[in-house]
N, C-alpha and C. Protein backbone atom coordinates (compact mmCIF):
# COMPACT_ATOMS: atom_id res chain seq x y z
N THR A 1 3.68 22.56 93.46
CA THR A 1 3.53 23.21 92.15
C THR A 1 3.66 22.21 91.00
N GLN A 2 4.52 21.20 91.18
CA GLN A 2 4.69 20.22 90.11
C GLN A 2 3.40 19.47 89.85
N ASN A 3 2.69 19.09 90.92
CA ASN A 3 1.43 18.37 90.76
C ASN A 3 0.39 19.24 90.05
N LYS A 4 0.42 20.54 90.32
CA LYS A 4 -0.50 21.47 89.67
C LYS A 4 -0.20 21.53 88.16
N ILE A 5 1.07 21.60 87.82
CA ILE A 5 1.48 21.62 86.41
C ILE A 5 1.04 20.32 85.73
N PHE A 6 1.27 19.20 86.39
CA PHE A 6 0.89 17.88 85.87
C PHE A 6 -0.62 17.81 85.64
N ALA A 7 -1.38 18.27 86.63
CA ALA A 7 -2.85 18.21 86.56
C ALA A 7 -3.38 19.09 85.44
N LEU A 8 -2.87 20.32 85.35
CA LEU A 8 -3.35 21.26 84.33
C LEU A 8 -2.96 20.82 82.92
N ALA A 9 -1.75 20.27 82.78
CA ALA A 9 -1.31 19.80 81.46
C ALA A 9 -2.15 18.61 81.01
N ASN A 10 -2.50 17.72 81.96
CA ASN A 10 -3.37 16.59 81.63
C ASN A 10 -4.78 17.06 81.29
N LEU A 11 -5.27 18.06 82.04
CA LEU A 11 -6.59 18.64 81.74
C LEU A 11 -6.58 19.25 80.35
N SER A 12 -5.49 19.92 80.00
CA SER A 12 -5.35 20.52 78.66
C SER A 12 -5.41 19.45 77.58
N ALA A 13 -4.73 18.32 77.82
CA ALA A 13 -4.76 17.21 76.85
C ALA A 13 -6.18 16.69 76.69
N LEU A 14 -6.87 16.52 77.81
CA LEU A 14 -8.27 16.05 77.78
C LEU A 14 -9.13 17.01 76.96
N ILE A 15 -8.99 18.31 77.23
CA ILE A 15 -9.78 19.33 76.52
C ILE A 15 -9.45 19.31 75.03
N ASN A 16 -8.16 19.23 74.71
CA ASN A 16 -7.76 19.27 73.30
C ASN A 16 -8.35 18.10 72.51
N TYR A 17 -8.25 16.90 73.06
CA TYR A 17 -8.82 15.74 72.36
C TYR A 17 -10.35 15.80 72.34
N ALA A 18 -10.95 16.31 73.42
CA ALA A 18 -12.41 16.44 73.46
C ALA A 18 -12.90 17.43 72.41
N ALA A 19 -12.08 18.42 72.11
CA ALA A 19 -12.49 19.47 71.17
C ALA A 19 -12.12 19.19 69.72
N THR A 20 -11.24 18.22 69.49
CA THR A 20 -10.76 18.04 68.11
C THR A 20 -11.02 16.66 67.50
N PHE A 21 -11.21 15.64 68.34
CA PHE A 21 -11.29 14.28 67.79
C PHE A 21 -12.47 14.08 66.84
N ALA A 22 -13.63 14.64 67.18
CA ALA A 22 -14.83 14.41 66.36
C ALA A 22 -14.92 15.32 65.13
N VAL A 23 -13.90 16.16 64.92
CA VAL A 23 -13.90 17.05 63.75
C VAL A 23 -13.99 16.25 62.46
N ALA A 24 -13.18 15.22 62.33
CA ALA A 24 -13.18 14.40 61.11
C ALA A 24 -14.53 13.71 60.92
N PHE A 25 -15.11 13.24 62.01
CA PHE A 25 -16.43 12.59 61.96
C PHE A 25 -17.49 13.55 61.44
N MET A 26 -17.54 14.75 62.04
CA MET A 26 -18.55 15.75 61.65
C MET A 26 -18.34 16.21 60.20
N LEU A 27 -17.08 16.46 59.85
CA LEU A 27 -16.81 16.96 58.50
C LEU A 27 -17.01 15.89 57.43
N SER A 28 -16.75 14.63 57.78
CA SER A 28 -16.99 13.58 56.78
C SER A 28 -18.47 13.51 56.42
N LEU A 29 -19.33 13.63 57.43
CA LEU A 29 -20.79 13.67 57.18
C LEU A 29 -21.17 14.92 56.39
N TYR A 30 -20.62 16.05 56.84
CA TYR A 30 -20.94 17.34 56.19
C TYR A 30 -20.51 17.33 54.72
N LEU A 31 -19.28 16.90 54.45
CA LEU A 31 -18.76 16.93 53.08
C LEU A 31 -19.55 16.01 52.16
N GLN A 32 -19.98 14.86 52.67
CA GLN A 32 -20.70 13.90 51.84
C GLN A 32 -22.19 14.24 51.69
N TYR A 33 -22.83 14.64 52.78
CA TYR A 33 -24.27 14.89 52.72
C TYR A 33 -24.63 16.31 52.27
N VAL A 34 -23.87 17.29 52.76
CA VAL A 34 -24.20 18.70 52.46
C VAL A 34 -23.54 19.15 51.16
N LEU A 35 -22.24 18.91 51.02
CA LEU A 35 -21.53 19.35 49.81
C LEU A 35 -21.57 18.29 48.70
N ASP A 36 -22.17 17.13 49.02
CA ASP A 36 -22.40 16.07 48.03
C ASP A 36 -21.10 15.56 47.38
N LEU A 37 -20.06 15.43 48.19
CA LEU A 37 -18.79 14.89 47.69
C LEU A 37 -18.77 13.38 47.87
N LYS A 38 -17.97 12.70 47.06
CA LYS A 38 -17.77 11.26 47.23
C LYS A 38 -16.93 11.03 48.49
N ALA A 39 -17.01 9.81 49.03
CA ALA A 39 -16.23 9.49 50.24
C ALA A 39 -14.74 9.69 50.01
N SER A 40 -14.25 9.33 48.80
CA SER A 40 -12.82 9.48 48.49
C SER A 40 -12.42 10.95 48.44
N GLU A 41 -13.32 11.80 47.90
CA GLU A 41 -13.05 13.26 47.83
C GLU A 41 -13.04 13.86 49.23
N ALA A 42 -13.99 13.43 50.07
CA ALA A 42 -14.04 13.91 51.45
C ALA A 42 -12.77 13.50 52.19
N GLY A 43 -12.32 12.26 51.96
CA GLY A 43 -11.09 11.78 52.59
C GLY A 43 -9.87 12.58 52.20
N MET A 44 -9.80 12.97 50.92
CA MET A 44 -8.67 13.76 50.44
C MET A 44 -8.64 15.14 51.12
N ILE A 45 -9.81 15.69 51.40
CA ILE A 45 -9.87 17.00 52.09
C ILE A 45 -9.48 16.83 53.55
N LEU A 46 -10.02 15.79 54.19
CA LEU A 46 -9.79 15.59 55.63
C LEU A 46 -8.35 15.23 55.96
N VAL A 47 -7.61 14.68 54.99
CA VAL A 47 -6.24 14.22 55.27
C VAL A 47 -5.28 15.40 55.52
N ILE A 48 -5.69 16.61 55.14
CA ILE A 48 -4.78 17.76 55.32
C ILE A 48 -4.45 18.00 56.79
N GLN A 49 -5.44 17.83 57.68
CA GLN A 49 -5.18 18.11 59.09
C GLN A 49 -4.10 17.20 59.68
N PRO A 50 -4.21 15.86 59.56
CA PRO A 50 -3.12 15.03 60.13
C PRO A 50 -1.77 15.22 59.45
N VAL A 51 -1.77 15.53 58.15
CA VAL A 51 -0.50 15.76 57.45
C VAL A 51 0.20 17.00 58.01
N ILE A 52 -0.55 18.10 58.12
CA ILE A 52 0.02 19.34 58.68
C ILE A 52 0.44 19.12 60.13
N MET A 53 -0.40 18.40 60.89
CA MET A 53 -0.09 18.11 62.29
C MET A 53 1.24 17.36 62.41
N ALA A 54 1.43 16.34 61.57
CA ALA A 54 2.66 15.54 61.62
C ALA A 54 3.89 16.40 61.29
N ILE A 55 3.74 17.28 60.31
CA ILE A 55 4.86 18.16 59.91
C ILE A 55 5.22 19.10 61.06
N VAL A 56 4.20 19.76 61.62
CA VAL A 56 4.44 20.74 62.69
C VAL A 56 4.93 20.05 63.96
N ALA A 57 4.34 18.90 64.32
CA ALA A 57 4.72 18.20 65.55
C ALA A 57 6.18 17.74 65.51
N SER A 58 6.69 17.47 64.30
CA SER A 58 8.07 16.99 64.18
C SER A 58 9.08 18.04 64.64
N PHE A 59 8.75 19.33 64.43
CA PHE A 59 9.71 20.33 64.94
C PHE A 59 9.24 21.02 66.22
N SER A 60 7.95 20.96 66.55
CA SER A 60 7.48 21.59 67.80
C SER A 60 8.01 20.83 69.01
N GLY A 61 8.19 19.52 68.86
CA GLY A 61 8.77 18.72 69.95
C GLY A 61 10.19 19.16 70.27
N ARG A 62 10.98 19.33 69.20
CA ARG A 62 12.37 19.79 69.39
C ARG A 62 12.40 21.22 69.92
N LEU A 63 11.47 22.04 69.43
CA LEU A 63 11.39 23.44 69.86
C LEU A 63 11.04 23.54 71.34
N SER A 64 10.20 22.60 71.81
CA SER A 64 9.76 22.64 73.22
C SER A 64 10.89 22.28 74.19
N ASP A 65 11.97 21.69 73.67
CA ASP A 65 13.14 21.42 74.51
C ASP A 65 13.95 22.70 74.74
N LYS A 66 13.82 23.65 73.79
CA LYS A 66 14.59 24.90 73.88
C LYS A 66 13.75 26.05 74.43
N LYS A 67 12.49 26.11 74.02
CA LYS A 67 11.60 27.21 74.45
C LYS A 67 10.65 26.69 75.54
N ASN A 68 9.86 27.59 76.11
CA ASN A 68 8.90 27.22 77.16
C ASN A 68 7.79 26.35 76.55
N PRO A 69 7.73 25.04 76.90
CA PRO A 69 6.72 24.17 76.29
C PRO A 69 5.29 24.56 76.64
N LYS A 70 5.10 25.18 77.82
CA LYS A 70 3.74 25.60 78.22
C LYS A 70 3.21 26.66 77.27
N LYS A 71 4.08 27.59 76.89
CA LYS A 71 3.67 28.64 75.95
C LYS A 71 3.36 28.07 74.57
N LEU A 72 4.20 27.14 74.13
CA LEU A 72 3.98 26.50 72.82
C LEU A 72 2.66 25.74 72.80
N ALA A 73 2.36 25.02 73.91
CA ALA A 73 1.10 24.28 74.00
C ALA A 73 -0.09 25.24 73.97
N ALA A 74 0.05 26.37 74.68
CA ALA A 74 -1.03 27.37 74.70
C ALA A 74 -1.23 27.99 73.30
N ILE A 75 -0.12 28.22 72.58
CA ILE A 75 -0.21 28.75 71.21
C ILE A 75 -0.92 27.72 70.32
N GLY A 76 -0.56 26.45 70.49
CA GLY A 76 -1.22 25.38 69.74
C GLY A 76 -2.71 25.33 70.00
N MET A 77 -3.08 25.45 71.27
CA MET A 77 -4.50 25.44 71.63
C MET A 77 -5.20 26.67 71.04
N GLY A 78 -4.49 27.79 70.98
CA GLY A 78 -5.05 29.01 70.37
C GLY A 78 -5.33 28.81 68.89
N PHE A 79 -4.38 28.20 68.17
CA PHE A 79 -4.59 27.89 66.75
C PHE A 79 -5.78 26.96 66.56
N SER A 80 -5.88 25.94 67.43
CA SER A 80 -7.01 25.01 67.35
C SER A 80 -8.33 25.74 67.55
N SER A 81 -8.33 26.70 68.49
CA SER A 81 -9.55 27.50 68.74
C SER A 81 -9.96 28.26 67.50
N VAL A 82 -8.98 28.86 66.82
CA VAL A 82 -9.26 29.63 65.60
C VAL A 82 -9.82 28.71 64.51
N GLY A 83 -9.18 27.54 64.33
CA GLY A 83 -9.65 26.58 63.32
C GLY A 83 -11.07 26.13 63.58
N LEU A 84 -11.39 25.83 64.83
CA LEU A 84 -12.75 25.41 65.20
C LEU A 84 -13.74 26.56 65.05
N PHE A 85 -13.29 27.76 65.40
CA PHE A 85 -14.15 28.95 65.25
C PHE A 85 -14.52 29.16 63.78
N LEU A 86 -13.55 28.97 62.89
CA LEU A 86 -13.84 29.08 61.45
C LEU A 86 -14.87 28.04 61.02
N LEU A 87 -14.73 26.82 61.54
CA LEU A 87 -15.66 25.74 61.17
C LEU A 87 -17.07 25.97 61.70
N SER A 88 -17.19 26.78 62.75
CA SER A 88 -18.53 27.02 63.32
C SER A 88 -19.40 27.90 62.42
N PHE A 89 -18.83 28.40 61.33
CA PHE A 89 -19.60 29.25 60.40
C PHE A 89 -19.98 28.54 59.11
N ILE A 90 -19.66 27.25 58.98
CA ILE A 90 -19.94 26.58 57.72
C ILE A 90 -21.46 26.42 57.50
N ASP A 91 -21.86 26.46 56.23
CA ASP A 91 -23.27 26.26 55.88
C ASP A 91 -23.35 25.49 54.56
N GLU A 92 -24.52 25.52 53.94
CA GLU A 92 -24.71 24.76 52.69
C GLU A 92 -23.86 25.25 51.53
N ASN A 93 -23.38 26.50 51.62
CA ASN A 93 -22.64 27.11 50.51
C ASN A 93 -21.16 27.31 50.78
N THR A 94 -20.65 26.73 51.86
CA THR A 94 -19.24 26.91 52.20
C THR A 94 -18.35 26.22 51.16
N SER A 95 -17.28 26.91 50.77
CA SER A 95 -16.37 26.34 49.77
C SER A 95 -15.39 25.36 50.41
N THR A 96 -14.89 24.43 49.61
CA THR A 96 -13.91 23.47 50.12
C THR A 96 -12.60 24.17 50.50
N ILE A 97 -12.30 25.30 49.84
CA ILE A 97 -11.09 26.07 50.18
C ILE A 97 -11.18 26.59 51.62
N TYR A 98 -12.36 27.04 52.00
CA TYR A 98 -12.60 27.54 53.37
C TYR A 98 -12.36 26.40 54.38
N ILE A 99 -12.90 25.23 54.08
CA ILE A 99 -12.75 24.08 54.97
C ILE A 99 -11.29 23.64 55.03
N LEU A 100 -10.61 23.63 53.89
CA LEU A 100 -9.18 23.28 53.86
C LEU A 100 -8.37 24.25 54.71
N THR A 101 -8.72 25.54 54.64
CA THR A 101 -8.02 26.57 55.43
C THR A 101 -8.22 26.30 56.92
N ALA A 102 -9.47 26.03 57.32
CA ALA A 102 -9.76 25.75 58.74
C ALA A 102 -9.02 24.50 59.20
N LEU A 103 -8.98 23.46 58.36
CA LEU A 103 -8.28 22.22 58.71
C LEU A 103 -6.77 22.43 58.79
N PHE A 104 -6.24 23.30 57.93
CA PHE A 104 -4.82 23.65 57.96
C PHE A 104 -4.48 24.30 59.32
N VAL A 105 -5.31 25.26 59.73
CA VAL A 105 -5.10 25.97 61.01
C VAL A 105 -5.21 24.97 62.17
N LEU A 106 -6.19 24.07 62.10
CA LEU A 106 -6.36 23.04 63.13
C LEU A 106 -5.14 22.12 63.20
N GLY A 107 -4.62 21.75 62.04
CA GLY A 107 -3.43 20.90 61.97
C GLY A 107 -2.22 21.56 62.62
N VAL A 108 -2.05 22.85 62.33
CA VAL A 108 -0.96 23.62 62.95
C VAL A 108 -1.15 23.65 64.46
N GLY A 109 -2.39 23.90 64.88
CA GLY A 109 -2.70 23.97 66.31
C GLY A 109 -2.40 22.68 67.03
N PHE A 110 -2.88 21.58 66.48
CA PHE A 110 -2.68 20.28 67.14
C PHE A 110 -1.20 19.90 67.13
N GLY A 111 -0.51 20.22 66.03
CA GLY A 111 0.92 19.94 65.94
C GLY A 111 1.73 20.71 66.97
N PHE A 112 1.33 21.96 67.21
CA PHE A 112 2.03 22.79 68.19
C PHE A 112 1.67 22.39 69.62
N PHE A 113 0.47 21.80 69.80
CA PHE A 113 0.03 21.47 71.14
C PHE A 113 0.58 20.13 71.65
N SER A 114 0.45 19.09 70.83
CA SER A 114 0.65 17.72 71.34
C SER A 114 2.03 17.44 71.92
N SER A 115 3.08 17.69 71.15
CA SER A 115 4.44 17.38 71.64
C SER A 115 4.84 18.23 72.85
N PRO A 116 4.68 19.57 72.80
CA PRO A 116 5.02 20.38 73.98
C PRO A 116 4.21 20.01 75.23
N ASN A 117 2.91 19.69 75.04
CA ASN A 117 2.06 19.32 76.18
C ASN A 117 2.58 18.04 76.83
N THR A 118 2.94 17.07 76.00
CA THR A 118 3.49 15.81 76.54
C THR A 118 4.83 16.09 77.23
N ASN A 119 5.60 17.00 76.67
CA ASN A 119 6.89 17.40 77.26
C ASN A 119 6.67 17.99 78.66
N VAL A 120 5.64 18.86 78.79
CA VAL A 120 5.31 19.47 80.09
C VAL A 120 4.93 18.38 81.10
N ILE A 121 4.08 17.45 80.67
CA ILE A 121 3.61 16.39 81.57
C ILE A 121 4.77 15.52 82.04
N MET A 122 5.58 15.05 81.09
CA MET A 122 6.69 14.16 81.44
C MET A 122 7.77 14.88 82.25
N GLY A 123 7.93 16.18 81.99
CA GLY A 123 8.95 16.95 82.71
C GLY A 123 8.52 17.38 84.10
N SER A 124 7.22 17.21 84.42
CA SER A 124 6.72 17.68 85.72
C SER A 124 6.73 16.58 86.78
N VAL A 125 7.20 15.39 86.41
CA VAL A 125 7.24 14.28 87.38
C VAL A 125 8.65 13.69 87.46
N ASP A 126 8.91 12.97 88.57
CA ASP A 126 10.20 12.29 88.72
C ASP A 126 10.32 11.16 87.71
N ARG A 127 11.56 10.84 87.36
CA ARG A 127 11.82 9.81 86.35
C ARG A 127 11.17 8.46 86.73
N LYS A 128 11.15 8.16 88.04
CA LYS A 128 10.63 6.85 88.46
C LYS A 128 9.12 6.69 88.24
N VAL A 129 8.40 7.79 88.09
CA VAL A 129 6.94 7.68 87.86
C VAL A 129 6.54 8.12 86.44
N GLN A 130 7.52 8.19 85.54
CA GLN A 130 7.20 8.62 84.18
C GLN A 130 6.31 7.63 83.43
N GLY A 131 6.40 6.36 83.78
CA GLY A 131 5.51 5.36 83.18
C GLY A 131 4.06 5.64 83.52
N THR A 132 3.83 5.99 84.79
CA THR A 132 2.48 6.34 85.24
C THR A 132 2.00 7.62 84.55
N ALA A 133 2.91 8.59 84.42
CA ALA A 133 2.56 9.85 83.76
C ALA A 133 2.17 9.61 82.30
N SER A 134 2.93 8.73 81.64
CA SER A 134 2.64 8.39 80.25
C SER A 134 1.27 7.72 80.12
N ALA A 135 0.96 6.83 81.07
CA ALA A 135 -0.34 6.16 81.08
C ALA A 135 -1.46 7.18 81.28
N MET A 136 -1.19 8.19 82.10
CA MET A 136 -2.19 9.23 82.37
C MET A 136 -2.48 10.02 81.09
N VAL A 137 -1.43 10.32 80.31
CA VAL A 137 -1.61 11.02 79.03
C VAL A 137 -2.50 10.19 78.11
N ALA A 138 -2.22 8.89 78.04
CA ALA A 138 -3.02 7.99 77.19
C ALA A 138 -4.47 7.95 77.65
N THR A 139 -4.68 7.97 78.98
CA THR A 139 -6.04 7.98 79.53
C THR A 139 -6.77 9.26 79.15
N MET A 140 -6.08 10.39 79.26
CA MET A 140 -6.68 11.69 78.88
C MET A 140 -7.04 11.70 77.41
N ARG A 141 -6.16 11.12 76.58
CA ARG A 141 -6.40 11.06 75.14
C ARG A 141 -7.67 10.25 74.85
N SER A 142 -7.74 9.05 75.42
CA SER A 142 -8.89 8.17 75.18
C SER A 142 -10.19 8.78 75.71
N THR A 143 -10.11 9.35 76.91
CA THR A 143 -11.31 9.96 77.51
C THR A 143 -11.76 11.16 76.68
N GLY A 144 -10.81 11.97 76.24
CA GLY A 144 -11.12 13.13 75.41
C GLY A 144 -11.79 12.72 74.11
N MET A 145 -11.28 11.65 73.49
CA MET A 145 -11.88 11.15 72.25
C MET A 145 -13.33 10.71 72.48
N MET A 146 -13.57 10.02 73.60
CA MET A 146 -14.94 9.57 73.91
C MET A 146 -15.87 10.76 74.15
N VAL A 147 -15.37 11.75 74.89
CA VAL A 147 -16.17 12.95 75.16
C VAL A 147 -16.50 13.67 73.85
N SER A 148 -15.50 13.76 72.98
CA SER A 148 -15.68 14.43 71.69
C SER A 148 -16.78 13.77 70.86
N MET A 149 -16.72 12.44 70.75
CA MET A 149 -17.73 11.72 69.98
C MET A 149 -19.10 11.79 70.65
N ALA A 150 -19.12 11.80 71.98
CA ALA A 150 -20.38 11.91 72.72
C ALA A 150 -21.05 13.27 72.45
N VAL A 151 -20.25 14.34 72.49
CA VAL A 151 -20.79 15.69 72.22
C VAL A 151 -21.35 15.75 70.81
N ALA A 152 -20.59 15.24 69.84
CA ALA A 152 -21.03 15.26 68.44
C ALA A 152 -22.31 14.44 68.25
N SER A 153 -22.32 13.22 68.79
CA SER A 153 -23.48 12.32 68.62
C SER A 153 -24.73 12.88 69.30
N LEU A 154 -24.56 13.37 70.53
CA LEU A 154 -25.71 13.92 71.26
C LEU A 154 -26.28 15.16 70.58
N THR A 155 -25.39 16.00 70.05
CA THR A 155 -25.85 17.22 69.39
C THR A 155 -26.62 16.89 68.12
N ILE A 156 -26.10 15.97 67.31
CA ILE A 156 -26.82 15.56 66.10
C ILE A 156 -28.18 14.97 66.49
N HIS A 157 -28.19 14.11 67.52
CA HIS A 157 -29.44 13.48 67.98
C HIS A 157 -30.43 14.53 68.49
N TRP A 158 -29.91 15.55 69.16
CA TRP A 158 -30.75 16.63 69.68
C TRP A 158 -31.53 17.31 68.55
N PHE A 159 -30.85 17.54 67.43
CA PHE A 159 -31.48 18.24 66.31
C PHE A 159 -32.27 17.31 65.38
N LEU A 160 -31.75 16.11 65.14
CA LEU A 160 -32.36 15.22 64.15
C LEU A 160 -33.16 14.07 64.76
N GLY A 161 -32.98 13.82 66.05
CA GLY A 161 -33.63 12.65 66.64
C GLY A 161 -33.07 11.38 66.01
N LYS A 162 -33.96 10.47 65.63
CA LYS A 162 -33.51 9.21 65.01
C LYS A 162 -33.57 9.29 63.49
N ALA A 163 -33.87 10.47 62.97
CA ALA A 163 -34.01 10.62 61.51
C ALA A 163 -32.67 10.50 60.80
N GLN A 164 -32.71 10.00 59.57
CA GLN A 164 -31.53 9.96 58.71
C GLN A 164 -31.25 11.38 58.20
N ILE A 165 -30.01 11.61 57.75
CA ILE A 165 -29.70 12.91 57.14
C ILE A 165 -30.23 12.88 55.70
N THR A 166 -31.23 13.72 55.44
CA THR A 166 -31.87 13.78 54.12
C THR A 166 -31.93 15.22 53.65
N PRO A 167 -32.22 15.45 52.35
CA PRO A 167 -32.35 16.84 51.88
C PRO A 167 -33.38 17.65 52.67
N GLU A 168 -34.42 16.96 53.18
CA GLU A 168 -35.47 17.68 53.92
C GLU A 168 -34.98 18.24 55.26
N ASN A 169 -34.10 17.48 55.94
CA ASN A 169 -33.62 17.98 57.24
C ASN A 169 -32.16 18.45 57.20
N MET A 170 -31.68 18.76 56.00
CA MET A 170 -30.29 19.21 55.82
C MET A 170 -30.00 20.46 56.66
N GLY A 171 -30.97 21.36 56.73
CA GLY A 171 -30.80 22.59 57.53
C GLY A 171 -30.54 22.28 58.99
N LEU A 172 -31.28 21.31 59.51
CA LEU A 172 -31.10 20.91 60.91
C LEU A 172 -29.73 20.28 61.13
N PHE A 173 -29.30 19.47 60.17
CA PHE A 173 -27.97 18.86 60.28
C PHE A 173 -26.87 19.92 60.27
N VAL A 174 -26.99 20.90 59.37
CA VAL A 174 -26.00 21.99 59.30
C VAL A 174 -25.99 22.76 60.62
N THR A 175 -27.17 23.02 61.18
CA THR A 175 -27.25 23.72 62.47
C THR A 175 -26.56 22.91 63.56
N SER A 176 -26.79 21.60 63.56
CA SER A 176 -26.14 20.75 64.57
C SER A 176 -24.63 20.76 64.40
N THR A 177 -24.17 20.77 63.16
CA THR A 177 -22.72 20.82 62.87
C THR A 177 -22.12 22.11 63.41
N LYS A 178 -22.79 23.22 63.16
CA LYS A 178 -22.30 24.52 63.65
C LYS A 178 -22.27 24.54 65.18
N MET A 179 -23.30 23.93 65.78
CA MET A 179 -23.38 23.88 67.24
C MET A 179 -22.22 23.06 67.82
N VAL A 180 -21.92 21.91 67.20
CA VAL A 180 -20.81 21.07 67.65
C VAL A 180 -19.50 21.85 67.60
N PHE A 181 -19.25 22.53 66.49
CA PHE A 181 -18.00 23.29 66.36
C PHE A 181 -17.95 24.48 67.30
N SER A 182 -19.10 25.05 67.61
CA SER A 182 -19.15 26.16 68.58
C SER A 182 -18.79 25.65 69.98
N ILE A 183 -19.35 24.49 70.36
CA ILE A 183 -19.02 23.88 71.66
C ILE A 183 -17.53 23.58 71.74
N PHE A 184 -16.98 23.01 70.65
CA PHE A 184 -15.55 22.67 70.61
C PHE A 184 -14.69 23.94 70.70
N THR A 185 -15.14 25.03 70.08
CA THR A 185 -14.40 26.29 70.15
C THR A 185 -14.30 26.78 71.59
N VAL A 186 -15.44 26.76 72.30
CA VAL A 186 -15.47 27.20 73.70
C VAL A 186 -14.54 26.33 74.55
N LEU A 187 -14.57 25.02 74.31
CA LEU A 187 -13.68 24.09 75.04
C LEU A 187 -12.21 24.46 74.81
N CYS A 188 -11.88 24.70 73.54
CA CYS A 188 -10.49 25.00 73.19
C CYS A 188 -10.02 26.33 73.78
N VAL A 189 -10.90 27.31 73.80
CA VAL A 189 -10.54 28.61 74.40
C VAL A 189 -10.24 28.42 75.88
N ALA A 190 -11.04 27.60 76.57
CA ALA A 190 -10.76 27.27 77.97
C ALA A 190 -9.41 26.57 78.10
N GLY A 191 -9.11 25.71 77.10
CA GLY A 191 -7.87 24.97 77.10
C GLY A 191 -6.63 25.85 76.95
N VAL A 192 -6.78 27.00 76.32
CA VAL A 192 -5.65 27.94 76.20
C VAL A 192 -5.18 28.33 77.60
N PHE A 193 -6.13 28.55 78.51
CA PHE A 193 -5.78 28.99 79.86
C PHE A 193 -5.24 27.85 80.71
N THR A 194 -5.77 26.63 80.52
CA THR A 194 -5.22 25.50 81.30
C THR A 194 -3.82 25.12 80.79
N SER A 195 -3.56 25.42 79.52
CA SER A 195 -2.22 25.12 78.97
C SER A 195 -1.18 26.03 79.57
């Protein structure tokens, strides 16, 4: 049973990073090309997710020592699913308040997921192999990030080909953005069950 817990918790980490890492990449393009914001303005909007994540993760780690960390990780994945689901509806007229709200929810989700998930992984193995377990978490993180960027890049390429993002193909770019967030939502919903 311990190996099953270890495997599922690592799979959850992989799914979470695969579903969330490319969010900043997609939104930075969206905010600058679609909403016509400056890079500095887009950065100020995008910073809300890591800030909220850091705040929530600081107490979710301590909470996971007292409460069931698997449940906390699943709740975190659920919040991430909601945040991604909200982002799958963005279009040319979406307000920055809407995007900030979705990023806030995503930040809460990731903050609730990361520390408890790591707690589950490290707690499911003997002390003598915790170094290996930690390396496995790092591998899942890196692999998830690569998968996330691959999904985002392939989806944009599917819709735009080699074309630049221009006013003429803005509709196609927005469609690709919605598709990416829809794929990430489905991934995260699956991750709720593996958590």
